[in-house]
């Protein structure tokens, strides 16, 4: 068979985190999680199945393509081929609008876009729930980038019951995520390794229990547009996740001095009456949550901090979708 398709997908920021797995092969998380798609942090991927190809190929534009990354992509293509009952090799070309491997969920947008493009190119027509399950097998957090806006990933007890669905559409709330970029190079310990190291932490079980308690708090805060409730729980959850990482075996320390400087600044601004909260994924970069009306003020203050290289401003983003503009 011959087929080509291109998809674009948003990265996402988790308010309740995914950290640690109950099944590493199926990427089943220890707890359910909630996130928001980021409209300015996207991955565009073109997949073409071609009988003339002797092997799969991967090109990541404007970035190095490692053997490990390629192997992970090819394994995911195998999952799509199995579903489509084909053996045709594929060419994959991908481009990101933001730094890869730096704690901005590049694997989420990458595997969501790859899943949608590969399925379309292979002639598959999966519903949204099935797409989230398939994307999860490539990268756990990718399932949250398939639906639009604010999304909950149900942990489930099996592959079929671990899926993501929308809580609210992008236009539901003018919430902003300002990513203060202090690191653009790949982090030393990738997220998948961090998940594997989480279990020995003496705080792992307590974090999971706290995340499950926080889940309805965050869901309700989103539905009611309660910024203070969302921010307080999100900030605490970020600290809990990193406490587990720091006490893992071996320990993982993602924060840099600039990370901590931003955390202190955000809390100081909040004490002055400027509503803002931070959250941090598996990396040194800091996500600062605020409301639309405060975006310019907070973005300006972030850019003025030592060590902040750039600020990437995001609104709630759309679903993963097919587009006509191919990369080759």
Protein backbone atom coordinates (compact mmCIF):
# COMPACT_ATOMS: atom_id res chain seq x y z
CA UNK A 1 0.00 0.00 0.00
CA UNK A 2 0.97 3.64 -0.48
CA UNK A 3 -0.41 6.39 1.68
CA UNK A 4 0.68 9.76 3.11
CA UNK A 5 -0.77 11.89 5.88
CA UNK A 6 0.32 14.77 8.13
CA UNK A 7 -0.88 15.59 11.62
CA UNK A 8 -0.22 18.40 14.07
CA UNK A 9 -0.46 17.96 17.82
CA UNK A 10 -0.01 20.12 20.93
CA UNK A 11 2.22 19.34 23.86
CA UNK A 12 0.36 19.43 27.17
CA UNK A 13 1.03 20.54 30.72
CA UNK A 14 -0.18 18.26 33.50
CA UNK A 15 -1.86 19.82 36.52
CA UNK A 16 -2.09 16.38 38.17
CA UNK A 17 1.07 14.59 37.06
CA UNK A 18 1.88 11.26 35.47
CA UNK A 19 4.93 9.97 37.33
CA UNK A 20 5.56 6.27 37.80
CA UNK A 21 3.90 3.31 36.12
CA UNK A 22 2.11 0.18 37.23
CA UNK A 23 2.97 -1.48 33.89
CA UNK A 24 5.99 -0.20 31.96
CA UNK A 25 5.32 -2.15 28.76
CA UNK A 26 1.74 -0.85 28.44
CA UNK A 27 2.60 2.53 29.98
CA UNK A 28 -0.19 2.24 32.53
CA UNK A 29 0.16 5.06 35.06
CA UNK A 30 0.01 4.78 38.84
CA UNK A 31 -2.69 7.46 38.95
CA UNK A 32 -5.07 9.34 36.70
CA UNK A 33 -3.95 12.78 35.53
CA UNK A 34 -5.34 16.04 34.15
CA UNK A 35 -3.71 18.40 31.65
CA UNK A 36 -4.17 21.29 29.26
CA UNK A 37 -3.04 21.32 25.64
CA UNK A 38 -0.55 24.09 24.76
CA UNK A 39 -1.42 25.81 21.50
CA UNK A 40 2.04 27.29 20.83
CA UNK A 41 4.01 24.09 21.55
CA UNK A 42 3.32 21.81 18.62
CA UNK A 43 4.73 18.89 16.65
CA UNK A 44 3.95 18.41 12.97
CA UNK A 45 4.59 14.94 11.53
CA UNK A 46 4.25 13.49 8.04
CA UNK A 47 4.11 9.72 7.55
CA UNK A 48 4.26 8.03 4.15
CA UNK A 49 4.00 4.27 3.65
CA UNK A 50 5.82 3.31 0.46
CA UNK A 51 6.36 -0.23 -0.92
CA UNK A 52 9.61 0.96 -2.48
CA UNK A 53 11.18 1.51 0.97
CA UNK A 54 13.41 -1.26 2.30
CA UNK A 55 13.33 0.14 5.87
CA UNK A 56 11.63 2.74 8.01
CA UNK A 57 13.30 6.15 8.26
CA UNK A 58 12.94 9.09 10.65
CA UNK A 59 14.02 12.69 10.15
CA UNK A 60 13.50 15.32 12.85
CA UNK A 61 13.94 18.72 11.23
CA UNK A 62 16.25 21.19 13.00
CA UNK A 63 17.36 18.52 15.50
CA UNK A 64 19.52 15.43 15.73
CA UNK A 65 17.79 12.10 15.26
CA UNK A 66 19.15 9.54 17.70
CA UNK A 67 19.09 5.81 17.15
CA UNK A 68 17.04 5.40 20.32
CA UNK A 69 14.40 7.90 19.16
CA UNK A 70 14.19 6.22 15.77
CA UNK A 71 13.78 2.79 17.31
CA UNK A 72 10.91 4.04 19.48
CA UNK A 73 9.16 5.56 16.45
CA UNK A 74 9.62 2.40 14.38
CA UNK A 75 8.15 0.28 17.19
CA UNK A 76 5.11 2.52 17.16
CA UNK A 77 4.80 2.19 13.40
CA UNK A 78 4.75 -1.58 13.96
CA UNK A 79 1.71 -1.15 16.20
CA UNK A 80 -0.07 0.75 13.44
CA UNK A 81 0.98 -1.81 10.83
CA UNK A 82 -0.39 -4.63 13.00
CA UNK A 83 -3.75 -2.87 13.25
CA UNK A 84 -3.85 -2.15 9.52
CA UNK A 85 -2.56 -5.62 8.64
CA UNK A 86 0.19 -4.26 6.40
CA UNK A 87 3.97 -4.70 6.28
CA UNK A 88 4.88 -1.61 4.22
CA UNK A 89 7.81 0.47 5.51
CA UNK A 90 7.39 4.18 6.15
CA UNK A 91 9.19 7.50 5.94
CA UNK A 92 8.58 9.83 8.87
CA UNK A 93 9.52 13.53 8.98
CA UNK A 94 8.75 15.64 12.03
CA UNK A 95 9.21 19.23 13.19
CA UNK A 96 8.74 20.86 16.61
CA UNK A 97 7.91 24.49 17.39
CA UNK A 98 9.70 24.28 20.76
CA UNK A 99 12.81 22.68 22.33
CA UNK A 100 12.78 18.87 22.41
CA UNK A 101 13.62 16.77 25.46
CA UNK A 102 13.68 19.77 27.80
CA UNK A 103 10.64 19.08 29.94
CA UNK A 104 7.96 20.56 27.66
CA UNK A 105 6.28 17.24 26.81
CA UNK A 106 7.81 16.90 23.35
CA UNK A 107 7.20 13.13 23.40
CA UNK A 108 3.50 13.76 24.05
CA UNK A 109 2.99 15.94 20.98
CA UNK A 110 5.38 13.78 18.93
CA UNK A 111 3.60 10.49 19.52
CA UNK A 112 0.13 12.00 19.30
CA UNK A 113 0.98 13.47 15.88
CA UNK A 114 2.74 10.25 14.81
CA UNK A 115 -0.26 8.16 15.84
CA UNK A 116 -2.78 10.27 13.95
CA UNK A 117 -0.65 10.63 10.81
CA UNK A 118 0.39 6.97 10.69
CA UNK A 119 -3.17 5.73 11.18
CA UNK A 120 -4.47 8.00 8.42
CA UNK A 121 -1.65 7.04 6.07
CA UNK A 122 -2.32 3.36 6.76
CA UNK A 123 -6.01 3.76 6.00
CA UNK A 124 -7.18 3.23 9.58
CA UNK A 125 -10.19 5.09 10.98
CA UNK A 126 -10.00 5.02 14.79
CA UNK A 127 -12.28 6.98 17.10
CA UNK A 128 -10.77 9.42 19.58
CA UNK A 129 -10.72 6.98 22.50
CA UNK A 130 -8.94 4.33 20.43
CA UNK A 131 -6.42 6.92 19.24
CA UNK A 132 -5.64 7.90 22.84
CA UNK A 133 -5.03 4.27 23.77
CA UNK A 134 -2.73 3.73 20.80
CA UNK A 135 -0.84 6.99 21.40
CA UNK A 136 -0.35 6.01 25.06
CA UNK A 137 1.59 2.92 24.00
CA UNK A 138 4.15 5.18 22.31
CA UNK A 139 4.36 7.77 25.11
CA UNK A 140 2.07 7.81 28.12
CA UNK A 141 1.33 11.52 28.11
CA UNK A 142 0.66 11.45 24.34
CA UNK A 143 -2.84 10.17 25.04
CA UNK A 144 -3.65 13.53 26.68
CA UNK A 145 -2.65 15.43 23.51
CA UNK A 146 -5.23 13.69 21.32
CA UNK A 147 -8.43 15.42 22.64
CA UNK A 148 -8.79 19.21 22.66
CA UNK A 149 -8.45 21.63 25.55
CA UNK A 150 -8.55 20.30 29.11
CA UNK A 151 -8.10 16.54 29.28
CA UNK A 152 -8.26 13.74 31.86
CA UNK A 153 -6.31 10.50 31.43
CA UNK A 154 -8.02 7.66 33.28
CA UNK A 155 -5.37 5.37 34.75
CA UNK A 156 -7.47 2.26 34.16
CA UNK A 157 -6.60 -1.31 35.02
CA UNK A 158 -5.83 -2.53 31.50
CA UNK A 159 -4.79 -1.14 28.16
CA UNK A 160 -8.41 -0.89 27.05
CA UNK A 161 -9.46 1.11 30.12
CA UNK A 162 -6.47 3.50 30.22
CA UNK A 163 -7.58 6.29 27.91
CA UNK A 164 -7.97 10.08 27.78
CA UNK A 165 -11.04 12.25 27.24
CA UNK A 166 -11.90 15.94 27.23
CA UNK A 167 -13.06 17.68 30.42
CA UNK A 168 -13.67 21.05 28.77
CA UNK A 169 -12.97 22.57 25.32
CA UNK A 170 -10.24 25.17 24.72
CA UNK A 171 -12.68 28.09 24.68
CA UNK A 172 -14.06 27.14 28.12
CA UNK A 173 -11.48 29.22 30.02
CA UNK A 174 -8.95 31.91 29.13
CA UNK A 175 -6.21 30.22 31.13
CA UNK A 176 -2.62 30.80 30.02
CA UNK A 177 0.55 28.79 30.42
CA UNK A 178 3.76 30.81 30.12
CA UNK A 179 6.79 28.56 29.73
CA UNK A 180 9.90 30.23 31.11
CA UNK A 181 12.65 28.54 29.10
CA UNK A 182 15.92 28.24 31.00
CA UNK A 183 17.19 25.07 29.28
CA UNK A 184 16.94 24.05 25.63
CA UNK A 185 19.30 21.08 25.60
CA UNK A 186 18.14 17.55 26.32
CA UNK A 187 17.79 16.79 30.02
CA UNK A 188 20.21 14.24 31.47
CA UNK A 189 17.51 11.81 32.61
CA UNK A 190 14.63 11.36 30.18
CA UNK A 191 11.11 11.01 31.55
CA UNK A 192 10.83 7.29 30.76
CA UNK A 193 13.86 6.61 32.95
CA UNK A 194 12.38 8.81 35.67
CA UNK A 195 9.21 6.72 35.67
CA UNK A 196 11.27 3.56 36.13
CA UNK A 197 13.14 5.03 39.10
CA UNK A 198 10.07 6.30 40.97
CA UNK A 199 9.06 3.17 42.88
CA UNK A 200 11.91 3.12 45.45
CA UNK A 201 11.16 6.66 46.62
CA UNK A 202 9.77 6.69 50.19
CA UNK A 203 7.32 9.35 49.00
CA UNK A 204 6.01 7.53 45.89
CA UNK A 205 2.90 6.02 47.47
CA UNK A 206 2.07 9.24 49.32
CA UNK A 207 2.29 11.23 46.08
CA UNK A 208 -0.05 8.84 44.28
CA UNK A 209 -2.57 9.09 47.13
CA UNK A 210 -2.30 12.90 47.10
CA UNK A 211 -2.71 12.98 43.31
CA UNK A 212 -5.89 10.92 43.52
CA UNK A 213 -7.23 13.30 46.17
CA UNK A 214 -6.26 16.27 44.03
CA UNK A 215 -7.87 14.93 40.86
CA UNK A 216 -11.48 15.96 41.68
CA UNK A 217 -10.19 19.28 43.07
CA UNK A 218 -8.52 20.13 39.75
CA UNK A 219 -11.41 18.80 37.65
CA UNK A 220 -13.89 20.92 39.62
CA UNK A 221 -11.60 23.97 39.47
CA UNK A 222 -11.45 23.72 35.68
CA UNK A 223 -15.20 23.32 35.30
CA UNK A 224 -15.89 26.21 37.69
CA UNK A 225 -12.98 28.34 36.38
CA UNK A 226 -11.61 28.59 39.93
CA UNK A 227 -8.06 29.81 39.34
CA UNK A 228 -6.96 29.84 42.96
CA UNK A 229 -8.10 26.26 43.59
CA UNK A 230 -6.44 25.07 40.37
CA UNK A 231 -3.21 26.93 41.07
CA UNK A 232 -2.82 25.83 44.68
CA UNK A 233 -3.32 22.14 43.88
CA UNK A 234 -1.21 22.27 40.71
CA UNK A 235 1.75 23.92 42.45
CA UNK A 236 1.68 21.42 45.32
CA UNK A 237 1.43 18.50 42.90
CA UNK A 238 4.51 19.70 41.00
CA UNK A 239 6.51 19.82 44.23
CA UNK A 240 5.28 16.35 45.20
CA UNK A 241 6.34 14.91 41.85
CA UNK A 242 9.82 16.39 42.08
CA UNK A 243 10.15 15.23 45.69
CA UNK A 244 9.67 11.69 44.38
CA UNK A 245 12.20 12.27 41.58
CA UNK A 246 14.76 13.67 44.02
CA UNK A 247 14.39 10.66 46.31
CA UNK A 248 14.36 8.02 43.57
CA UNK A 249 17.08 5.41 43.14
CA UNK A 250 19.22 6.80 41.64
CA UNK A 251 18.11 10.32 42.49
CA UNK A 252 16.91 12.62 39.70
CA UNK A 253 17.34 16.38 40.14
CA UNK A 254 15.74 18.28 37.26
CA UNK A 255 15.81 21.76 38.79
CA UNK A 256 18.50 24.31 38.00
CA UNK A 257 19.27 27.49 39.96
CA UNK A 258 17.13 29.36 37.41
CA UNK A 259 14.22 27.00 38.10
CA UNK A 260 14.29 27.82 41.80
CA UNK A 261 14.68 31.55 41.09
CA UNK A 262 11.46 31.50 39.06
CA UNK A 263 9.60 29.53 41.73
CA UNK A 264 10.52 32.12 44.36
CA UNK A 265 9.60 34.99 42.01
CA UNK A 266 6.16 33.57 41.23
CA UNK A 267 5.38 33.19 44.92
CA UNK A 268 6.58 36.73 45.60
CA UNK A 269 4.38 38.13 42.82
CA UNK A 270 1.41 36.23 44.22
CA UNK A 271 2.06 37.69 47.67
CA UNK A 272 1.96 41.15 46.04
CA UNK A 273 -1.49 40.39 44.62
CA UNK A 274 -0.54 39.25 41.10
CA UNK A 275 -2.23 35.84 40.65
CA UNK A 276 0.22 33.29 39.24
CA UNK A 277 1.22 29.71 40.05
CA UNK A 278 4.03 27.50 38.80
CA UNK A 279 4.24 23.91 37.74
CA UNK A 280 7.24 21.96 36.43
CA UNK A 281 7.36 18.80 34.36
CA UNK A 282 10.42 16.55 34.10
CA UNK A 283 12.93 19.29 33.31
CA UNK A 284 14.30 22.65 34.41
CA UNK A 285 11.84 24.85 32.51
CA UNK A 286 8.99 26.37 34.51
CA UNK A 287 5.36 26.68 33.46
CA UNK A 288 3.66 29.71 34.99
CA UNK A 289 -0.13 29.62 35.03
CA UNK A 290 -2.08 32.87 34.88
CA UNK A 291 -5.29 34.36 33.55
CA UNK A 292 -5.48 36.09 30.18
CA UNK A 293 -5.65 39.59 31.62
CA UNK A 294 -2.32 39.15 33.46
CA UNK A 295 -0.39 37.52 30.60
CA UNK A 296 1.61 40.53 29.42
CA UNK A 297 2.59 41.63 32.92
CA UNK A 298 3.77 38.19 34.01
CA UNK A 299 5.52 37.43 30.71
CA UNK A 300 7.43 40.72 31.03
CA UNK A 301 8.48 39.93 34.57
CA UNK A 302 9.61 36.43 33.57
CA UNK A 303 11.74 37.77 30.71
CA UNK A 304 13.44 40.17 33.13
CA UNK A 305 14.64 37.33 35.39
CA UNK A 306 18.28 36.21 35.11
CA UNK A 307 18.62 32.99 33.16
CA UNK A 308 15.29 33.13 31.33
CA UNK A 309 16.13 32.71 27.64
CA UNK A 310 12.61 33.02 26.29
CA UNK A 311 8.95 32.84 27.29
CA UNK A 312 6.56 30.70 25.24
CA UNK A 313 2.97 31.85 25.83
CA UNK A 314 0.19 29.30 25.41
CA UNK A 315 -3.59 29.27 25.39
CA UNK A 316 -5.60 26.05 25.74
CA UNK A 317 -4.85 24.14 22.55
CA UNK A 318 -6.88 22.19 20.00
CA UNK A 319 -7.05 18.45 19.42
CA UNK A 320 -4.56 16.51 17.35
CA UNK A 321 -5.70 16.97 13.76
CA UNK A 322 -4.81 16.10 10.17
CA UNK A 323 -3.59 18.88 7.89
CA UNK A 324 -2.90 19.11 4.14
CA UNK A 325 0.56 20.73 4.36
CA UNK A 326 3.00 17.82 4.21
CA UNK A 327 6.64 18.11 5.27
CA UNK A 328 7.81 16.23 2.15
